[in-house]
Amino acid sequence: MKFRVERDALAEAVAWTAKSLPNRPSVPVLAGVMLRVTDGNLQVSGFDYEVSSQVTVEVQGDADGAALVSGRLLAEITKALPAKPVDIAAVGAHLELVCGSARFTLPTMPVEDYPTLPEMPESTGTVDAAAFAAAVAQVAVAAGRDETLPMMTGVRIELSGGTLAMLATDRYRLALREMEWNPDDPEISINALVPARTLHDTAKALGPLGGQVVMALSQGSAGEGMIGFAGGTRRTTSRLLDGANYPPVRSLFPATHNAEARVPVSTLIEVVKRVALVAERTTPVLLSFSSDGLVVEAGGTEEARASEAMEATFTGEPLTIGFNPQYLIDGLANLGAQFAQLAFVDAFKPAVISPAGEDGEVIPGYRYLIMPIRVSR
């Protein structure tokens, strides 16, 4: 194998592929990225039996072939190279990389020991890349991080006709985003539970490419299904999580509310961040709403307390409610709107945050439910 490639194209391809590689691979070859040159195209691939990533880059190919090298090491090297064309050649059990006056020799691993990447499942439809990336970011923030509860670490994708819905929860907050997409089958009705981190990283990488993302889905027995995404020259596949017993979380959204507030998003985020500086890790921030506006308070130890008032439009009986400050900030930061509407039943029931326009009307499509923290005052 021997080829020449532009440094930026190579660095981007390797970085994206290496990002999904396991930190502790079960076998050494899974820490590698596969470089395969065929007919002037370089395929950079990674696979850990759960997630596969592949990107194609145009190169000046002198000799077709393949080589398997450490993904993280290659990513660090290509990122640090000078802005000049890169010459790469497989020589015996090594890979030689030359860029300007920089020269690296890397050991290779046996290509024949590398597993075959899974085929992309059959296409189920397409969705706008930028809109999809923004929607996934809004939802993935609410997914759990606790690997002992794998179901909570996923984003539930619900495909129903021309509507694509995504839900995620860690039991303390719940995000729901609904958007339009272009199904291959207008009668489609299918659900899938996708690992949140994989979905987020994939959507974030495909979003800036623009155009459409192809979504491909195959349902197997519990935990055996696969989902694939393709956009531009990139494609990724992931095994699905077992979502057979996913709780009916939509029912958590209250049907009615007794009070609502409209607040400027950026101001509230700044105020919560400031006030939360005195809050200990498990201490909530208190939001006190009245016809006069909003007061945000927090207290850590007996000596450290903080409060700040800000403008807010509020209707209903005066209300004081406590939230985890980071969960509150996560919800507000992902609204994608200048104003937020907060809807309350009472101080002990979940609150729902929705994006709102300057006219006060709620912008449909996204809702973020957050559980309150009971506070004795």
Protein backbone atom coordinates (compact mmCIF):
# COMPACT_ATOMS: atom_id res chain seq x y z
CA MET A 1 0.00 0.00 0.00
CA LYS A 2 1.29 3.42 -0.97
CA PHE A 3 -0.55 6.73 -1.39
CA ARG A 4 -0.43 10.53 -1.00
CA VAL A 5 -3.23 12.44 0.71
CA GLU A 6 -4.02 15.97 1.90
CA ARG A 7 -3.14 16.39 5.57
CA ASP A 8 -6.50 17.91 6.68
CA ALA A 9 -8.60 15.25 4.96
CA LEU A 10 -6.51 12.48 6.53
CA ALA A 11 -6.54 14.03 10.02
CA GLU A 12 -10.34 14.50 9.95
CA ALA A 13 -10.96 10.96 8.73
CA VAL A 14 -8.67 9.35 11.29
CA ALA A 15 -9.93 11.51 14.18
CA TRP A 16 -13.56 10.68 13.45
CA THR A 17 -12.89 6.95 13.16
CA ALA A 18 -10.57 6.78 16.19
CA LYS A 19 -13.14 8.57 18.40
CA SER A 20 -15.38 5.48 18.50
CA LEU A 21 -12.57 3.03 19.29
CA PRO A 22 -12.73 1.29 22.71
CA ASN A 23 -10.46 2.49 25.53
CA ARG A 24 -9.89 -1.09 26.71
CA PRO A 25 -10.21 -3.34 23.65
CA SER A 26 -10.96 -7.01 24.28
CA VAL A 27 -8.35 -7.90 21.65
CA PRO A 28 -5.47 -5.62 20.51
CA VAL A 29 -6.60 -5.33 16.85
CA LEU A 30 -9.80 -3.53 17.92
CA ALA A 31 -7.64 -0.54 18.98
CA GLY A 32 -6.57 -0.15 15.35
CA VAL A 33 -7.91 1.74 12.36
CA MET A 34 -7.88 -0.03 9.04
CA LEU A 35 -6.42 1.93 6.11
CA ARG A 36 -7.43 0.38 2.79
CA VAL A 37 -6.60 1.90 -0.60
CA THR A 38 -8.57 0.86 -3.69
CA ASP A 39 -8.74 2.71 -7.04
CA GLY A 40 -7.64 6.10 -5.68
CA ASN A 41 -9.91 5.94 -2.63
CA LEU A 42 -8.74 5.49 0.96
CA GLN A 43 -11.19 3.86 3.36
CA VAL A 44 -10.49 4.52 7.05
CA SER A 45 -12.43 2.08 9.24
CA GLY A 46 -12.88 1.27 12.92
CA PHE A 47 -14.96 -1.44 14.61
CA ASP A 48 -15.36 -2.79 18.17
CA TYR A 49 -18.18 -5.29 17.54
CA GLU A 50 -20.69 -2.69 18.79
CA VAL A 51 -20.04 0.40 16.66
CA SER A 52 -18.43 0.63 13.21
CA SER A 53 -17.21 3.83 11.54
CA GLN A 54 -16.02 4.25 7.98
CA VAL A 55 -15.03 7.28 5.92
CA THR A 56 -13.78 7.48 2.35
CA VAL A 57 -11.10 9.98 1.25
CA GLU A 58 -9.79 10.62 -2.27
CA VAL A 59 -6.04 10.00 -2.52
CA GLN A 60 -3.29 9.66 -5.11
CA GLY A 61 -2.90 5.90 -4.94
CA ASP A 62 0.41 4.41 -6.07
CA ALA A 63 -0.29 0.88 -4.82
CA ASP A 64 -3.52 -0.63 -3.49
CA GLY A 65 -3.44 -2.52 -0.20
CA ALA A 66 -4.34 -2.37 3.47
CA ALA A 67 -2.66 -1.72 6.83
CA LEU A 68 -3.89 -1.79 10.43
CA VAL A 69 -2.34 0.68 12.90
CA SER A 70 -3.11 2.07 16.36
CA GLY A 71 -6.02 4.47 15.89
CA ARG A 72 -5.35 6.85 18.76
CA LEU A 73 -1.66 7.15 17.96
CA LEU A 74 -2.35 7.80 14.28
CA ALA A 75 -4.98 10.40 15.20
CA GLU A 76 -2.52 12.27 17.44
CA ILE A 77 0.20 12.17 14.77
CA THR A 78 -1.99 13.33 11.86
CA LYS A 79 -3.40 16.18 13.98
CA ALA A 80 0.14 17.40 14.75
CA LEU A 81 1.50 17.23 11.18
CA PRO A 82 2.46 20.39 9.24
CA ALA A 83 0.02 21.58 6.56
CA LYS A 84 1.62 19.65 3.69
CA PRO A 85 0.69 16.55 1.66
CA VAL A 86 1.23 13.27 3.50
CA ASP A 87 2.92 10.24 1.93
CA ILE A 88 2.04 6.90 3.51
CA ALA A 89 3.45 3.48 2.62
CA ALA A 90 3.22 0.02 4.18
CA VAL A 91 6.71 -1.46 4.38
CA GLY A 92 6.89 -4.94 5.88
CA ALA A 93 5.45 -4.88 9.39
CA HIS A 94 5.55 -1.07 9.56
CA LEU A 95 3.71 1.96 8.23
CA GLU A 96 5.92 4.84 7.09
CA LEU A 97 4.39 8.32 7.17
CA VAL A 98 6.23 11.32 5.69
CA CYS A 99 4.98 14.92 5.78
CA GLY A 100 7.45 17.63 4.84
CA SER A 101 10.57 16.88 6.89
CA ALA A 102 8.58 14.94 9.53
CA ARG A 103 8.89 11.15 9.34
CA PHE A 104 7.13 8.52 11.46
CA THR A 105 7.44 4.74 11.46
CA LEU A 106 4.56 2.90 13.15
CA PRO A 107 4.19 -0.83 13.84
CA THR A 108 1.26 -2.49 12.10
CA MET A 109 -1.05 -5.27 13.28
CA PRO A 110 -2.13 -8.32 11.24
CA VAL A 111 -4.83 -7.25 8.76
CA GLU A 112 -6.20 -10.82 8.60
CA ASP A 113 -7.05 -10.73 12.34
CA TYR A 114 -9.34 -7.71 11.92
CA PRO A 115 -13.10 -8.42 11.97
CA THR A 116 -15.22 -7.71 8.90
CA LEU A 117 -17.31 -4.56 9.26
CA PRO A 118 -21.08 -5.16 9.28
CA GLU A 119 -23.09 -4.23 6.20
CA MET A 120 -25.36 -1.19 6.39
CA PRO A 121 -28.95 -2.26 7.16
CA GLU A 122 -31.67 -1.48 4.61
CA SER A 123 -32.55 2.24 4.35
CA THR A 124 -35.67 3.38 6.21
CA GLY A 125 -35.56 7.04 5.11
CA THR A 126 -33.65 10.32 5.15
CA VAL A 127 -33.54 13.38 7.40
CA ASP A 128 -31.94 16.82 7.05
CA ALA A 129 -28.40 16.53 8.46
CA ALA A 130 -28.21 19.88 10.27
CA ALA A 131 -31.71 19.60 11.77
CA PHE A 132 -31.00 16.02 12.87
CA ALA A 133 -27.73 17.02 14.59
CA ALA A 134 -29.47 19.84 16.47
CA ALA A 135 -32.35 17.57 17.52
CA VAL A 136 -30.05 14.79 18.78
CA ALA A 137 -28.06 17.30 20.86
CA GLN A 138 -31.29 18.49 22.50
CA VAL A 139 -32.26 14.95 23.53
CA ALA A 140 -28.95 13.19 24.24
CA VAL A 141 -28.19 15.59 27.10
CA ALA A 142 -30.92 13.89 29.18
CA ALA A 143 -29.66 10.32 28.65
CA GLY A 144 -28.21 8.46 31.62
CA ARG A 145 -24.48 7.84 32.11
CA ASP A 146 -24.84 4.86 34.46
CA GLU A 147 -23.72 1.76 32.55
CA THR A 148 -25.40 -0.48 35.15
CA LEU A 149 -28.72 0.77 33.73
CA PRO A 150 -28.01 0.33 30.00
CA MET A 151 -31.60 1.11 28.97
CA MET A 152 -31.27 4.63 30.39
CA THR A 153 -28.05 5.30 28.41
CA GLY A 154 -29.98 5.16 25.14
CA VAL A 155 -32.08 7.49 23.02
CA ARG A 156 -35.39 5.97 21.99
CA ILE A 157 -36.13 6.70 18.33
CA GLU A 158 -39.79 6.39 17.32
CA LEU A 159 -40.54 6.40 13.60
CA SER A 160 -44.22 6.87 12.80
CA GLY A 161 -45.06 7.90 9.25
CA GLY A 162 -43.47 11.28 8.51
CA THR A 163 -42.71 11.99 12.20
CA LEU A 164 -39.42 11.13 13.87
CA ALA A 165 -39.49 11.38 17.68
CA MET A 166 -36.55 10.99 20.06
CA LEU A 167 -36.75 10.51 23.83
CA ALA A 168 -34.09 10.17 26.53
CA THR A 169 -34.22 10.08 30.32
CA ASP A 170 -31.92 9.42 33.27
CA ARG A 171 -34.95 9.31 35.66
CA TYR A 172 -34.32 12.87 36.86
CA ARG A 173 -35.11 14.63 33.58
CA LEU A 174 -36.69 13.70 30.27
CA ALA A 175 -36.19 15.24 26.84
CA LEU A 176 -38.55 14.78 23.89
CA ARG A 177 -37.95 16.09 20.37
CA GLU A 178 -40.28 15.56 17.42
CA MET A 179 -39.40 16.48 13.84
CA GLU A 180 -40.29 15.71 10.25
CA TRP A 181 -38.33 13.23 8.16
CA ASN A 182 -38.66 11.46 4.80
CA PRO A 183 -39.56 7.78 5.32
CA ASP A 184 -39.10 5.26 2.51
CA ASP A 185 -42.36 3.67 3.70
CA PRO A 186 -45.04 6.29 4.56
CA GLU A 187 -46.78 3.71 6.78
CA ILE A 188 -43.65 2.98 8.87
CA SER A 189 -44.14 2.39 12.61
CA ILE A 190 -41.00 1.22 14.38
CA ASN A 191 -39.04 1.98 17.57
CA ALA A 192 -35.34 1.56 18.35
CA LEU A 193 -33.13 2.25 21.38
CA VAL A 194 -29.76 3.66 20.25
CA PRO A 195 -26.73 4.25 22.53
CA ALA A 196 -26.86 8.00 23.23
CA ARG A 197 -23.13 8.65 22.97
CA THR A 198 -22.85 6.94 19.58
CA LEU A 199 -25.93 8.74 18.26
CA HIS A 200 -24.66 12.12 19.50
CA ASP A 201 -21.14 11.69 18.09
CA THR A 202 -22.50 10.49 14.74
CA ALA A 203 -25.06 13.27 14.35
CA LYS A 204 -22.49 15.90 15.40
CA ALA A 205 -20.08 14.64 12.71
CA LEU A 206 -22.70 14.39 9.94
CA GLY A 207 -24.51 17.67 10.70
CA PRO A 208 -21.86 20.10 9.33
CA LEU A 209 -21.65 18.09 6.07
CA GLY A 210 -25.15 19.30 5.15
CA GLY A 211 -27.52 17.50 2.82
CA GLN A 212 -29.42 14.44 3.95
CA VAL A 213 -28.54 11.68 6.41
CA VAL A 214 -29.68 8.21 5.42
CA MET A 215 -31.08 6.27 8.37
CA ALA A 216 -31.03 2.48 8.08
CA LEU A 217 -32.60 0.12 10.59
CA SER A 218 -32.79 -3.65 11.01
CA GLN A 219 -34.70 -5.22 13.88
CA GLY A 220 -33.43 -8.50 15.26
CA SER A 221 -34.29 -10.28 18.47
CA ALA A 222 -33.91 -8.35 21.75
CA GLY A 223 -30.65 -6.40 21.69
CA GLU A 224 -29.65 -7.81 18.30
CA GLY A 225 -30.94 -5.07 16.00
CA MET A 226 -28.70 -2.59 14.21
CA ILE A 227 -29.00 1.02 13.09
CA GLY A 228 -26.88 2.76 10.46
CA PHE A 229 -26.34 6.38 9.42
CA ALA A 230 -24.70 7.59 6.22
CA GLY A 231 -23.94 11.12 5.06
CA GLY A 232 -21.40 12.42 2.58
CA THR A 233 -18.48 9.98 2.56
CA ARG A 234 -19.11 8.79 6.13
CA ARG A 235 -21.12 5.89 7.47
CA THR A 236 -21.53 4.37 10.89
CA THR A 237 -23.44 1.43 12.32
CA SER A 238 -24.33 0.58 15.90
CA ARG A 239 -25.95 -2.30 17.66
CA LEU A 240 -29.22 -1.36 19.33
CA LEU A 241 -29.85 -1.60 23.04
CA ASP A 242 -32.62 -3.86 24.30
CA GLY A 243 -35.55 -1.45 24.57
CA ALA A 244 -38.34 -4.04 24.94
CA ASN A 245 -39.12 -2.87 28.49
CA TYR A 246 -38.52 0.85 27.97
CA PRO A 247 -40.90 2.65 30.34
CA PRO A 248 -43.84 4.67 28.94
CA VAL A 249 -42.11 7.95 29.75
CA ARG A 250 -44.37 10.15 27.59
CA SER A 251 -47.03 9.78 30.30
CA LEU A 252 -44.78 11.76 32.67
CA PHE A 253 -45.60 15.01 30.85
CA PRO A 254 -48.48 16.62 32.80
CA ALA A 255 -51.72 17.06 30.84
CA THR A 256 -52.40 20.45 32.45
CA HIS A 257 -50.53 23.04 34.51
CA ASN A 258 -51.50 25.58 37.15
CA ALA A 259 -48.77 28.19 36.65
CA GLU A 260 -46.38 29.26 33.93
CA ALA A 261 -43.42 31.59 33.56
CA ARG A 262 -41.68 33.10 30.55
CA VAL A 263 -38.00 33.97 31.01
CA PRO A 264 -35.11 35.07 28.78
CA VAL A 265 -32.93 31.97 28.37
CA SER A 266 -29.43 33.48 28.36
CA THR A 267 -30.14 35.66 31.42
CA LEU A 268 -31.52 32.77 33.48
CA ILE A 269 -28.53 30.54 32.58
CA GLU A 270 -26.09 33.27 33.72
CA VAL A 271 -28.01 33.86 36.95
CA VAL A 272 -28.22 30.15 37.80
CA LYS A 273 -24.48 29.69 37.13
CA ARG A 274 -23.61 32.63 39.41
CA VAL A 275 -25.92 31.68 42.25
CA ALA A 276 -24.93 27.99 42.07
CA LEU A 277 -21.31 28.88 42.87
CA VAL A 278 -22.19 28.65 46.58
CA ALA A 279 -24.25 25.45 46.19
CA GLU A 280 -22.73 22.15 47.22
CA ARG A 281 -22.95 19.20 44.83
CA THR A 282 -26.33 17.93 45.99
CA THR A 283 -27.79 21.34 46.81
CA PRO A 284 -30.55 22.66 44.54
CA VAL A 285 -31.07 26.21 43.36
CA LEU A 286 -34.42 27.65 44.40
CA LEU A 287 -36.56 29.53 41.90
CA SER A 288 -39.21 31.75 43.50
CA PHE A 289 -41.79 33.02 41.01
CA SER A 290 -44.33 35.75 41.68
CA SER A 291 -46.01 38.60 39.82
CA ASP A 292 -42.89 40.67 40.64
CA GLY A 293 -40.62 38.33 38.65
CA LEU A 294 -38.12 35.64 39.62
CA VAL A 295 -35.62 35.32 42.48
CA VAL A 296 -32.96 32.61 42.20
CA GLU A 297 -31.33 31.49 45.48
CA ALA A 298 -28.83 28.90 46.68
CA GLY A 299 -27.06 28.12 49.90
CA GLY A 300 -24.24 25.76 50.65
CA THR A 301 -22.80 25.90 54.13
CA GLU A 302 -24.39 28.15 56.75
CA GLU A 303 -22.11 31.02 55.76
CA ALA A 304 -22.33 30.85 51.95
CA ARG A 305 -25.59 31.99 50.39
CA ALA A 306 -26.50 33.77 47.18
CA SER A 307 -29.59 35.25 45.58
CA GLU A 308 -30.32 37.27 42.47
CA ALA A 309 -33.52 38.74 41.06
CA MET A 310 -34.39 38.91 37.38
CA GLU A 311 -37.31 39.79 35.17
CA ALA A 312 -39.86 37.08 34.37
CA THR A 313 -43.49 37.03 33.27
CA PHE A 314 -45.48 34.76 35.62
CA THR A 315 -49.11 33.72 35.85
CA GLY A 316 -50.51 31.64 38.71
CA GLU A 317 -50.11 31.44 42.49
CA PRO A 318 -46.61 32.38 43.79
CA LEU A 319 -44.35 29.34 43.68
CA THR A 320 -40.93 28.29 45.02
CA ILE A 321 -39.37 25.20 43.42
CA GLY A 322 -35.90 23.62 43.66
CA PHE A 323 -33.87 22.09 40.81
CA ASN A 324 -30.46 20.53 40.27
CA PRO A 325 -28.65 23.55 38.76
CA GLN A 326 -26.77 21.56 36.08
CA TYR A 327 -29.91 19.77 34.91
CA LEU A 328 -31.69 23.12 34.69
CA ILE A 329 -28.83 24.68 32.70
CA ASP A 330 -28.68 21.65 30.35
CA GLY A 331 -32.36 22.04 29.53
CA LEU A 332 -32.20 25.79 28.98
CA ALA A 333 -28.98 25.67 26.92
CA ASN A 334 -30.50 23.22 24.44
CA LEU A 335 -33.78 25.04 23.80
CA GLY A 336 -32.49 26.83 20.73
CA ALA A 337 -34.75 29.82 21.49
CA GLN A 338 -34.45 33.27 23.03
CA PHE A 339 -37.18 32.65 25.60
CA ALA A 340 -38.23 29.68 27.69
CA GLN A 341 -41.67 28.79 28.97
CA LEU A 342 -41.68 26.93 32.30
CA ALA A 343 -44.96 25.17 33.12
CA PHE A 344 -45.71 24.01 36.69
CA VAL A 345 -48.37 21.88 38.38
CA ASP A 346 -46.98 22.58 41.87
CA ALA A 347 -43.62 22.66 43.70
CA PHE A 348 -43.47 18.86 44.02
CA LYS A 349 -44.42 17.75 40.50
CA PRO A 350 -42.18 17.77 37.38
CA ALA A 351 -41.85 21.08 35.54
CA VAL A 352 -41.78 21.28 31.73
CA ILE A 353 -39.46 23.66 29.90
CA SER A 354 -40.31 24.55 26.29
CA PRO A 355 -38.82 27.01 23.77
CA ALA A 356 -40.93 30.15 23.28
CA GLY A 357 -40.98 33.01 20.79
CA GLU A 358 -40.90 36.72 21.59
CA ASP A 359 -44.70 36.71 21.47
CA GLY A 360 -44.75 34.21 24.32
CA GLU A 361 -46.10 31.39 22.18
CA VAL A 362 -44.53 27.97 22.75
CA ILE A 363 -42.52 26.68 19.77
CA PRO A 364 -43.66 23.08 19.21
CA GLY A 365 -41.27 20.15 18.79
CA TYR A 366 -39.16 20.13 21.98
CA ARG A 367 -40.01 19.59 25.64
CA TYR A 368 -37.66 19.10 28.60
CA LEU A 369 -39.16 17.73 31.79
CA ILE A 370 -37.20 18.18 35.03
CA MET A 371 -37.94 16.65 38.44
CA PRO A 372 -37.94 19.11 41.35
CA ILE A 373 -35.87 18.59 44.49
CA ARG A 374 -37.91 18.87 47.68
CA VAL A 375 -36.63 21.66 49.88
CA SER A 376 -37.48 22.35 53.51
CA ARG A 377 -37.45 26.05 54.24
